[in-house]
PDB file of N, CA and C in Angstrom:
ATOM      1  N   MET A   1       0.852  -1.175   0.000  1.00  0.00           N
ATOM      2  CA  MET A   1       0.000   0.000   0.000  1.00  0.00           C
ATOM      3  C   MET A   1       0.895   1.234   0.000  1.00  0.00           C
ATOM      4  N   ASP A   2       0.555   2.157  -0.813  1.00  0.00           N
ATOM      5  CA  ASP A   2       1.298   3.404  -0.869  1.00  0.00           C
ATOM      6  C   ASP A   2       1.071   4.174   0.434  1.00  0.00           C
ATOM      7  N   SER A   3       2.121   4.787   0.962  1.00  0.00           N
ATOM      8  CA  SER A   3       2.012   5.492   2.242  1.00  0.00           C
ATOM      9  C   SER A   3       0.993   6.629   2.186  1.00  0.00           C
ATOM     10  N   ARG A   4       0.856   7.282   1.050  1.00  0.00           N
ATOM     11  CA  ARG A   4      -0.126   8.371   0.937  1.00  0.00           C
ATOM     12  C   ARG A   4      -1.557   7.842   1.065  1.00  0.00           C
ATOM     13  N   ASP A   5      -1.797   6.646   0.503  1.00  0.00           N
ATOM     14  CA  ASP A   5      -3.121   6.036   0.628  1.00  0.00           C
ATOM     15  C   ASP A   5      -3.402   5.676   2.087  1.00  0.00           C
ATOM     16  N   LEU A   6      -2.393   5.150   2.765  1.00  0.00           N
ATOM     17  CA  LEU A   6      -2.554   4.792   4.171  1.00  0.00           C
ATOM     18  C   LEU A   6      -2.874   6.017   5.016  1.00  0.00           C
ATOM     19  N   VAL A   7      -2.150   7.101   4.794  1.00  0.00           N
ATOM     20  CA  VAL A   7      -2.399   8.335   5.545  1.00  0.00           C
ATOM     21  C   VAL A   7      -3.818   8.845   5.268  1.00  0.00           C
ATOM     22  N   ALA A   8      -4.262   8.727   4.038  1.00  0.00           N
ATOM     23  CA  ALA A   8      -5.584   9.248   3.667  1.00  0.00           C
ATOM     24  C   ALA A   8      -6.719   8.520   4.376  1.00  0.00           C
ATOM     25  N   ILE A   9      -6.545   7.235   4.698  1.00  0.00           N
ATOM     26  CA  ILE A   9      -7.646   6.477   5.297  1.00  0.00           C
ATOM     27  C   ILE A   9      -7.440   6.172   6.777  1.00  0.00           C
ATOM     28  N   SER A  10      -6.349   6.632   7.367  1.00  0.00           N
ATOM     29  CA  SER A  10      -6.080   6.301   8.763  1.00  0.00           C
ATOM     30  C   SER A  10      -6.440   7.461   9.699  1.00  0.00           C
ATOM     31  N   TYR A  11      -6.592   7.125  10.963  1.00  0.00           N
ATOM     32  CA  TYR A  11      -6.879   8.133  11.979  1.00  0.00           C
ATOM     33  C   TYR A  11      -6.364   7.628  13.319  1.00  0.00           C
ATOM     34  N   ALA A  12      -6.178   8.521  14.267  1.00  0.00           N
ATOM     35  CA  ALA A  12      -5.753   8.155  15.617  1.00  0.00           C
ATOM     36  C   ALA A  12      -6.933   8.320  16.563  1.00  0.00           C
ATOM     37  N   ASP A  13      -7.142   7.325  17.401  1.00  0.00           N
ATOM     38  CA  ASP A  13      -8.204   7.372  18.403  1.00  0.00           C
ATOM     39  C   ASP A  13      -7.604   7.949  19.677  1.00  0.00           C
ATOM     40  N   VAL A  14      -7.486   9.289  19.726  1.00  0.00           N
ATOM     41  CA  VAL A  14      -6.806   9.981  20.816  1.00  0.00           C
ATOM     42  C   VAL A  14      -7.630   9.882  22.101  1.00  0.00           C
ATOM     43  N   ARG A  15      -6.939   9.607  23.208  1.00  0.00           N
ATOM     44  CA  ARG A  15      -7.591   9.484  24.508  1.00  0.00           C
ATOM     45  C   ARG A  15      -8.255  10.803  24.889  1.00  0.00           C
ATOM     46  N   ARG A  16      -9.479  10.716  25.406  1.00  0.00           N
ATOM     47  CA  ARG A  16     -10.236  11.902  25.783  1.00  0.00           C
ATOM     48  C   ARG A  16     -11.255  11.530  26.859  1.00  0.00           C
ATOM     49  N   ILE A  17     -11.748  12.511  27.577  1.00  0.00           N
ATOM     50  CA  ILE A  17     -12.782  12.297  28.590  1.00  0.00           C
ATOM     51  C   ILE A  17     -14.136  12.455  27.920  1.00  0.00           C
ATOM     52  N   GLU A  18     -14.967  11.424  28.028  1.00  0.00           N
ATOM     53  CA  GLU A  18     -16.290  11.444  27.411  1.00  0.00           C
ATOM     54  C   GLU A  18     -17.364  11.960  28.364  1.00  0.00           C
ATOM     55  N   GLN A  19     -17.200  11.733  29.667  1.00  0.00           N
ATOM     56  CA  GLN A  19     -18.198  12.167  30.645  1.00  0.00           C
ATOM     57  C   GLN A  19     -17.483  12.812  31.811  1.00  0.00           C
ATOM     58  N   ARG A  20     -18.140  13.721  32.515  1.00  0.00           N
ATOM     59  CA  ARG A  20     -17.524  14.371  33.669  1.00  0.00           C
ATOM     60  C   ARG A  20     -18.026  13.818  35.003  1.00  0.00           C
ATOM     61  N   ASP A  21     -19.259  13.258  35.078  1.00  0.00           N
ATOM     62  CA  ASP A  21     -19.775  12.752  36.350  1.00  0.00           C
ATOM     63  C   ASP A  21     -18.831  11.696  36.916  1.00  0.00           C
ATOM     64  N   VAL A  22     -18.713  10.633  36.228  1.00  0.00           N
ATOM     65  CA  VAL A  22     -17.725   9.597  36.527  1.00  0.00           C
ATOM     66  C   VAL A  22     -16.853   9.571  35.292  1.00  0.00           C
ATOM     67  N   GLU A  23     -15.667  10.113  35.380  1.00  0.00           N
ATOM     68  CA  GLU A  23     -14.848  10.311  34.187  1.00  0.00           C
ATOM     69  C   GLU A  23     -14.604   9.006  33.443  1.00  0.00           C
ATOM     70  N   VAL A  24     -15.104   8.951  32.250  1.00  0.00           N
ATOM     71  CA  VAL A  24     -14.947   7.794  31.387  1.00  0.00           C
ATOM     72  C   VAL A  24     -13.985   8.183  30.276  1.00  0.00           C
ATOM     73  N   LEU A  25     -12.902   7.443  30.157  1.00  0.00           N
ATOM     74  CA  LEU A  25     -11.924   7.733  29.111  1.00  0.00           C
ATOM     75  C   LEU A  25     -12.247   6.926  27.865  1.00  0.00           C
ATOM     76  N   SER A  26     -12.102   7.547  26.725  1.00  0.00           N
ATOM     77  CA  SER A  26     -12.246   6.872  25.448  1.00  0.00           C
ATOM     78  C   SER A  26     -10.967   7.081  24.667  1.00  0.00           C
ATOM     79  N   GLY A  27     -10.702   6.194  23.733  1.00  0.00           N
ATOM     80  CA  GLY A  27      -9.511   6.306  22.913  1.00  0.00           C
ATOM     81  C   GLY A  27      -8.325   5.612  23.549  1.00  0.00           C
ATOM     82  N   ILE A  28      -7.316   5.319  22.733  1.00  0.00           N
ATOM     83  CA  ILE A  28      -6.148   4.595  23.234  1.00  0.00           C
ATOM     84  C   ILE A  28      -4.826   5.322  22.999  1.00  0.00           C
ATOM     85  N   GLU A  29      -4.811   6.296  22.134  1.00  0.00           N
ATOM     86  CA  GLU A  29      -3.574   6.968  21.783  1.00  0.00           C
ATOM     87  C   GLU A  29      -3.348   8.215  22.629  1.00  0.00           C
ATOM     88  N   ARG A  30      -2.085   8.472  22.956  1.00  0.00           N
ATOM     89  CA  ARG A  30      -1.745   9.736  23.621  1.00  0.00           C
ATOM     90  C   ARG A  30      -1.854  10.878  22.614  1.00  0.00           C
ATOM     91  N   PRO A  31      -2.103  12.098  23.077  1.00  0.00           N
ATOM     92  CA  PRO A  31      -2.130  13.236  22.147  1.00  0.00           C
ATOM     93  C   PRO A  31      -0.775  13.388  21.435  1.00  0.00           C
ATOM     94  N   LEU A  32      -0.806  13.922  20.225  1.00  0.00           N
ATOM     95  CA  LEU A  32       0.403  14.110  19.430  1.00  0.00           C
ATOM     96  C   LEU A  32       1.333  15.113  20.103  1.00  0.00           C
ATOM     97  N   SER A  33       2.609  14.748  20.196  1.00  0.00           N
ATOM     98  CA  SER A  33       3.621  15.611  20.807  1.00  0.00           C
ATOM     99  C   SER A  33       4.683  15.917  19.755  1.00  0.00           C
ATOM    100  N   GLN A  34       4.784  17.172  19.335  1.00  0.00           N
ATOM    101  CA  GLN A  34       5.758  17.545  18.316  1.00  0.00           C
ATOM    102  C   GLN A  34       7.201  17.263  18.752  1.00  0.00           C
ATOM    103  N   PRO A  35       7.580  17.510  20.018  1.00  0.00           N
ATOM    104  CA  PRO A  35       8.943  17.149  20.421  1.00  0.00           C
ATOM    105  C   PRO A  35       9.202  15.641  20.254  1.00  0.00           C
ATOM    106  N   ARG A  36       8.204  14.813  20.571  1.00  0.00           N
ATOM    107  CA  ARG A  36       8.373  13.358  20.415  1.00  0.00           C
ATOM    108  C   ARG A  36       8.463  12.988  18.939  1.00  0.00           C
ATOM    109  N   VAL A  37       7.712  13.655  18.090  1.00  0.00           N
ATOM    110  CA  VAL A  37       7.784  13.407  16.647  1.00  0.00           C
ATOM    111  C   VAL A  37       9.204  13.681  16.150  1.00  0.00           C
ATOM    112  N   ARG A  38       9.799  14.798  16.593  1.00  0.00           N
ATOM    113  CA  ARG A  38      11.179  15.129  16.168  1.00  0.00           C
ATOM    114  C   ARG A  38      12.170  14.066  16.657  1.00  0.00           C
ATOM    115  N   GLU A  39      11.976  13.582  17.894  1.00  0.00           N
ATOM    116  CA  GLU A  39      12.848  12.521  18.411  1.00  0.00           C
ATOM    117  C   GLU A  39      12.728  11.259  17.562  1.00  0.00           C
ATOM    118  N   LEU A  40      11.512  10.908  17.180  1.00  0.00           N
ATOM    119  CA  LEU A  40      11.309   9.713  16.368  1.00  0.00           C
ATOM    120  C   LEU A  40      11.900   9.874  14.966  1.00  0.00           C
ATOM    121  N   VAL A  41      11.759  11.046  14.389  1.00  0.00           N
ATOM    122  CA  VAL A  41      12.355  11.312  13.068  1.00  0.00           C
ATOM    123  C   VAL A  41      13.864  11.119  13.136  1.00  0.00           C
ATOM    124  N   ASP A  42      14.476  11.669  14.167  1.00  0.00           N
ATOM    125  CA  ASP A  42      15.929  11.508  14.333  1.00  0.00           C
ATOM    126  C   ASP A  42      16.300  10.037  14.489  1.00  0.00           C
ATOM    127  N   TYR A  43      15.536   9.298  15.292  1.00  0.00           N
ATOM    128  CA  TYR A  43      15.823   7.889  15.530  1.00  0.00           C
ATOM    129  C   TYR A  43      15.682   7.062  14.249  1.00  0.00           C
ATOM    130  N   VAL A  44      14.617   7.291  13.499  1.00  0.00           N
ATOM    131  CA  VAL A  44      14.366   6.518  12.279  1.00  0.00           C
ATOM    132  C   VAL A  44      15.493   6.697  11.271  1.00  0.00           C
ATOM    133  N   ARG A  45      16.151   7.826  11.306  1.00  0.00           N
ATOM    134  CA  ARG A  45      17.232   8.106  10.348  1.00  0.00           C
ATOM    135  C   ARG A  45      18.576   7.503  10.755  1.00  0.00           C
ATOM    136  N   THR A  46      18.652   6.862  11.935  1.00  0.00           N
ATOM    137  CA  THR A  46      19.913   6.240  12.348  1.00  0.00           C
ATOM    138  C   THR A  46      20.056   4.871  11.714  1.00  0.00           C
ATOM    139  N   VAL A  47      21.298   4.410  11.610  1.00  0.00           N
ATOM    140  CA  VAL A  47      21.569   3.109  11.004  1.00  0.00           C
ATOM    141  C   VAL A  47      21.048   1.957  11.861  1.00  0.00           C
ATOM    142  N   ASP A  48      20.896   2.173  13.159  1.00  0.00           N
ATOM    143  CA  ASP A  48      20.457   1.115  14.066  1.00  0.00           C
ATOM    144  C   ASP A  48      18.963   1.137  14.374  1.00  0.00           C
ATOM    145  N   ALA A  49      18.181   1.913  13.664  1.00  0.00           N
ATOM    146  CA  ALA A  49      16.751   2.016  13.952  1.00  0.00           C
ATOM    147  C   ALA A  49      16.080   0.660  13.762  1.00  0.00           C
ATOM    148  N   THR A  50      15.366   0.224  14.786  1.00  0.00           N
ATOM    149  CA  THR A  50      14.607  -1.028  14.705  1.00  0.00           C
ATOM    150  C   THR A  50      13.233  -0.810  15.307  1.00  0.00           C
ATOM    151  N   PHE A  51      12.305  -1.633  14.901  1.00  0.00           N
ATOM    152  CA  PHE A  51      10.934  -1.563  15.389  1.00  0.00           C
ATOM    153  C   PHE A  51      10.512  -2.968  15.791  1.00  0.00           C
ATOM    154  N   PRO A  52      10.740  -3.330  17.063  1.00  0.00           N
ATOM    155  CA  PRO A  52      10.522  -4.712  17.490  1.00  0.00           C
ATOM    156  C   PRO A  52       9.068  -5.133  17.616  1.00  0.00           C
ATOM    157  N   THR A  53       8.133  -4.223  17.636  1.00  0.00           N
ATOM    158  CA  THR A  53       6.738  -4.618  17.757  1.00  0.00           C
ATOM    159  C   THR A  53       6.053  -4.581  16.402  1.00  0.00           C
ATOM    160  N   SER A  54       5.035  -5.377  16.279  1.00  0.00           N
ATOM    161  CA  SER A  54       4.272  -5.422  15.030  1.00  0.00           C
ATOM    162  C   SER A  54       3.356  -4.216  14.939  1.00  0.00           C
ATOM    163  N   VAL A  55       3.051  -3.836  13.727  1.00  0.00           N
ATOM    164  CA  VAL A  55       2.055  -2.801  13.481  1.00  0.00           C
ATOM    165  C   VAL A  55       0.846  -3.531  12.900  1.00  0.00           C
ATOM    166  N   ILE A  56      -0.273  -3.403  13.559  1.00  0.00           N
ATOM    167  CA  ILE A  56      -1.489  -4.073  13.097  1.00  0.00           C
ATOM    168  C   ILE A  56      -2.443  -3.003  12.597  1.00  0.00           C
ATOM    169  N   LEU A  57      -2.865  -3.162  11.356  1.00  0.00           N
ATOM    170  CA  LEU A  57      -3.783  -2.210  10.748  1.00  0.00           C
ATOM    171  C   LEU A  57      -5.128  -2.880  10.544  1.00  0.00           C
ATOM    172  N   ALA A  58      -6.176  -2.194  10.879  1.00  0.00           N
ATOM    173  CA  ALA A  58      -7.523  -2.671  10.601  1.00  0.00           C
ATOM    174  C   ALA A  58      -8.036  -1.874   9.417  1.00  0.00           C
ATOM    175  N   VAL A  59      -8.296  -2.560   8.329  1.00  0.00           N
ATOM    176  CA  VAL A  59      -8.740  -1.903   7.108  1.00  0.00           C
ATOM    177  C   VAL A  59     -10.049  -2.543   6.681  1.00  0.00           C
ATOM    178  N   THR A  60     -11.045  -1.730   6.440  1.00  0.00           N
ATOM    179  CA  THR A  60     -12.324  -2.274   5.981  1.00  0.00           C
ATOM    180  C   THR A  60     -12.202  -2.714   4.529  1.00  0.00           C
ATOM    181  N   SER A  61     -13.039  -3.644   4.133  1.00  0.00           N
ATOM    182  CA  SER A  61     -13.003  -4.145   2.756  1.00  0.00           C
ATOM    183  C   SER A  61     -13.323  -3.041   1.749  1.00  0.00           C
ATOM    184  N   GLU A  62     -13.973  -1.996   2.196  1.00  0.00           N
ATOM    185  CA  GLU A  62     -14.261  -0.852   1.326  1.00  0.00           C
ATOM    186  C   GLU A  62     -12.966  -0.205   0.828  1.00  0.00           C
ATOM    187  N   HIS A  63     -11.889  -0.272   1.644  1.00  0.00           N
ATOM    188  CA  HIS A  63     -10.631   0.377   1.303  1.00  0.00           C
ATOM    189  C   HIS A  63      -9.518  -0.603   0.936  1.00  0.00           C
ATOM    190  N   ALA A  64      -9.823  -1.900   0.840  1.00  0.00           N
ATOM    191  CA  ALA A  64      -8.777  -2.888   0.591  1.00  0.00           C
ATOM    192  C   ALA A  64      -9.109  -3.745  -0.628  1.00  0.00           C
ATOM    193  N   VAL A  65      -8.078  -4.042  -1.381  1.00  0.00           N
ATOM    194  CA  VAL A  65      -8.212  -4.922  -2.536  1.00  0.00           C
ATOM    195  C   VAL A  65      -7.010  -5.844  -2.548  1.00  0.00           C
ATOM    196  N   PHE A  66      -7.229  -7.156  -2.744  1.00  0.00           N
ATOM    197  CA  PHE A  66      -6.133  -8.091  -2.844  1.00  0.00           C
ATOM    198  C   PHE A  66      -5.724  -8.202  -4.305  1.00  0.00           C
ATOM    199  N   ASP A  67      -4.439  -7.958  -4.555  1.00  0.00           N
ATOM    200  CA  ASP A  67      -3.899  -8.038  -5.911  1.00  0.00           C
ATOM    201  C   ASP A  67      -2.837  -9.132  -5.894  1.00  0.00           C
ATOM    202  N   ALA A  68      -3.178 -10.334  -6.368  1.00  0.00           N
ATOM    203  CA  ALA A  68      -2.267 -11.479  -6.338  1.00  0.00           C
ATOM    204  C   ALA A  68      -0.990 -11.229  -7.136  1.00  0.00           C
ATOM    205  N   ALA A  69      -1.055 -10.353  -8.105  1.00  0.00           N
ATOM    206  CA  ALA A  69       0.123 -10.056  -8.925  1.00  0.00           C
ATOM    207  C   ALA A  69       1.172  -9.241  -8.155  1.00  0.00           C
ATOM    208  N   ARG A  70       0.801  -8.631  -7.056  1.00  0.00           N
ATOM    209  CA  ARG A  70       1.717  -7.770  -6.298  1.00  0.00           C
ATOM    210  C   ARG A  70       2.154  -8.409  -4.985  1.00  0.00           C
ATOM    211  N   LYS A  71       2.273  -9.723  -4.934  1.00  0.00           N
ATOM    212  CA  LYS A  71       2.671 -10.424  -3.708  1.00  0.00           C
ATOM    213  C   LYS A  71       3.976  -9.929  -3.178  1.00  0.00           C
TER     214      LYS A  71
END
Protein backbone atom coordinates (compact mmCIF):
# COMPACT_ATOMS: atom_id res chain seq x y z
CA MET A 1 0.00 0.00 0.00
CA ASP A 2 1.30 3.40 -0.87
CA SER A 3 2.01 5.49 2.24
CA ARG A 4 -0.13 8.37 0.94
CA ASP A 5 -3.12 6.04 0.63
CA LEU A 6 -2.55 4.79 4.17
CA VAL A 7 -2.40 8.33 5.54
CA ALA A 8 -5.58 9.25 3.67
CA ILE A 9 -7.65 6.48 5.30
CA SER A 10 -6.08 6.30 8.76
CA TYR A 11 -6.88 8.13 11.98
CA ALA A 12 -5.75 8.15 15.62
CA ASP A 13 -8.20 7.37 18.40
CA VAL A 14 -6.81 9.98 20.82
CA ARG A 15 -7.59 9.48 24.51
CA ARG A 16 -10.24 11.90 25.78
CA ILE A 17 -12.78 12.30 28.59
CA GLU A 18 -16.29 11.44 27.41
CA GLN A 19 -18.20 12.17 30.64
CA ARG A 20 -17.52 14.37 33.67
CA ASP A 21 -19.77 12.75 36.35
CA VAL A 22 -17.73 9.60 36.53
CA GLU A 23 -14.85 10.31 34.19
CA VAL A 24 -14.95 7.79 31.39
CA LEU A 25 -11.92 7.73 29.11
CA SER A 26 -12.25 6.87 25.45
CA GLY A 27 -9.51 6.31 22.91
CA ILE A 28 -6.15 4.60 23.23
CA GLU A 29 -3.57 6.97 21.78
CA ARG A 30 -1.74 9.74 23.62
CA PRO A 31 -2.13 13.24 22.15
CA LEU A 32 0.40 14.11 19.43
CA SER A 33 3.62 15.61 20.81
CA GLN A 34 5.76 17.55 18.32
CA PRO A 35 8.94 17.15 20.42
CA ARG A 36 8.37 13.36 20.41
CA VAL A 37 7.78 13.41 16.65
CA ARG A 38 11.18 15.13 16.17
CA GLU A 39 12.85 12.52 18.41
CA LEU A 40 11.31 9.71 16.37
CA VAL A 41 12.35 11.31 13.07
CA ASP A 42 15.93 11.51 14.33
CA TYR A 43 15.82 7.89 15.53
CA VAL A 44 14.37 6.52 12.28
CA ARG A 45 17.23 8.11 10.35
CA THR A 46 19.91 6.24 12.35
CA VAL A 47 21.57 3.11 11.00
CA ASP A 48 20.46 1.11 14.07
CA ALA A 49 16.75 2.02 13.95
CA THR A 50 14.61 -1.03 14.70
CA PHE A 51 10.93 -1.56 15.39
CA PRO A 52 10.52 -4.71 17.49
CA THR A 53 6.74 -4.62 17.76
CA SER A 54 4.27 -5.42 15.03
CA VAL A 55 2.05 -2.80 13.48
CA ILE A 56 -1.49 -4.07 13.10
CA LEU A 57 -3.78 -2.21 10.75
CA ALA A 58 -7.52 -2.67 10.60
CA VAL A 59 -8.74 -1.90 7.11
CA THR A 60 -12.32 -2.27 5.98
CA SER A 61 -13.00 -4.15 2.76
CA GLU A 62 -14.26 -0.85 1.33
CA HIS A 63 -10.63 0.38 1.30
CA ALA A 64 -8.78 -2.89 0.59
CA VAL A 65 -8.21 -4.92 -2.54
CA PHE A 66 -6.13 -8.09 -2.84
CA ASP A 67 -3.90 -8.04 -5.91
CA ALA A 68 -2.27 -11.48 -6.34
CA ALA A 69 0.12 -10.06 -8.92
CA ARG A 70 1.72 -7.77 -6.30
CA LYS A 71 2.67 -10.42 -3.71
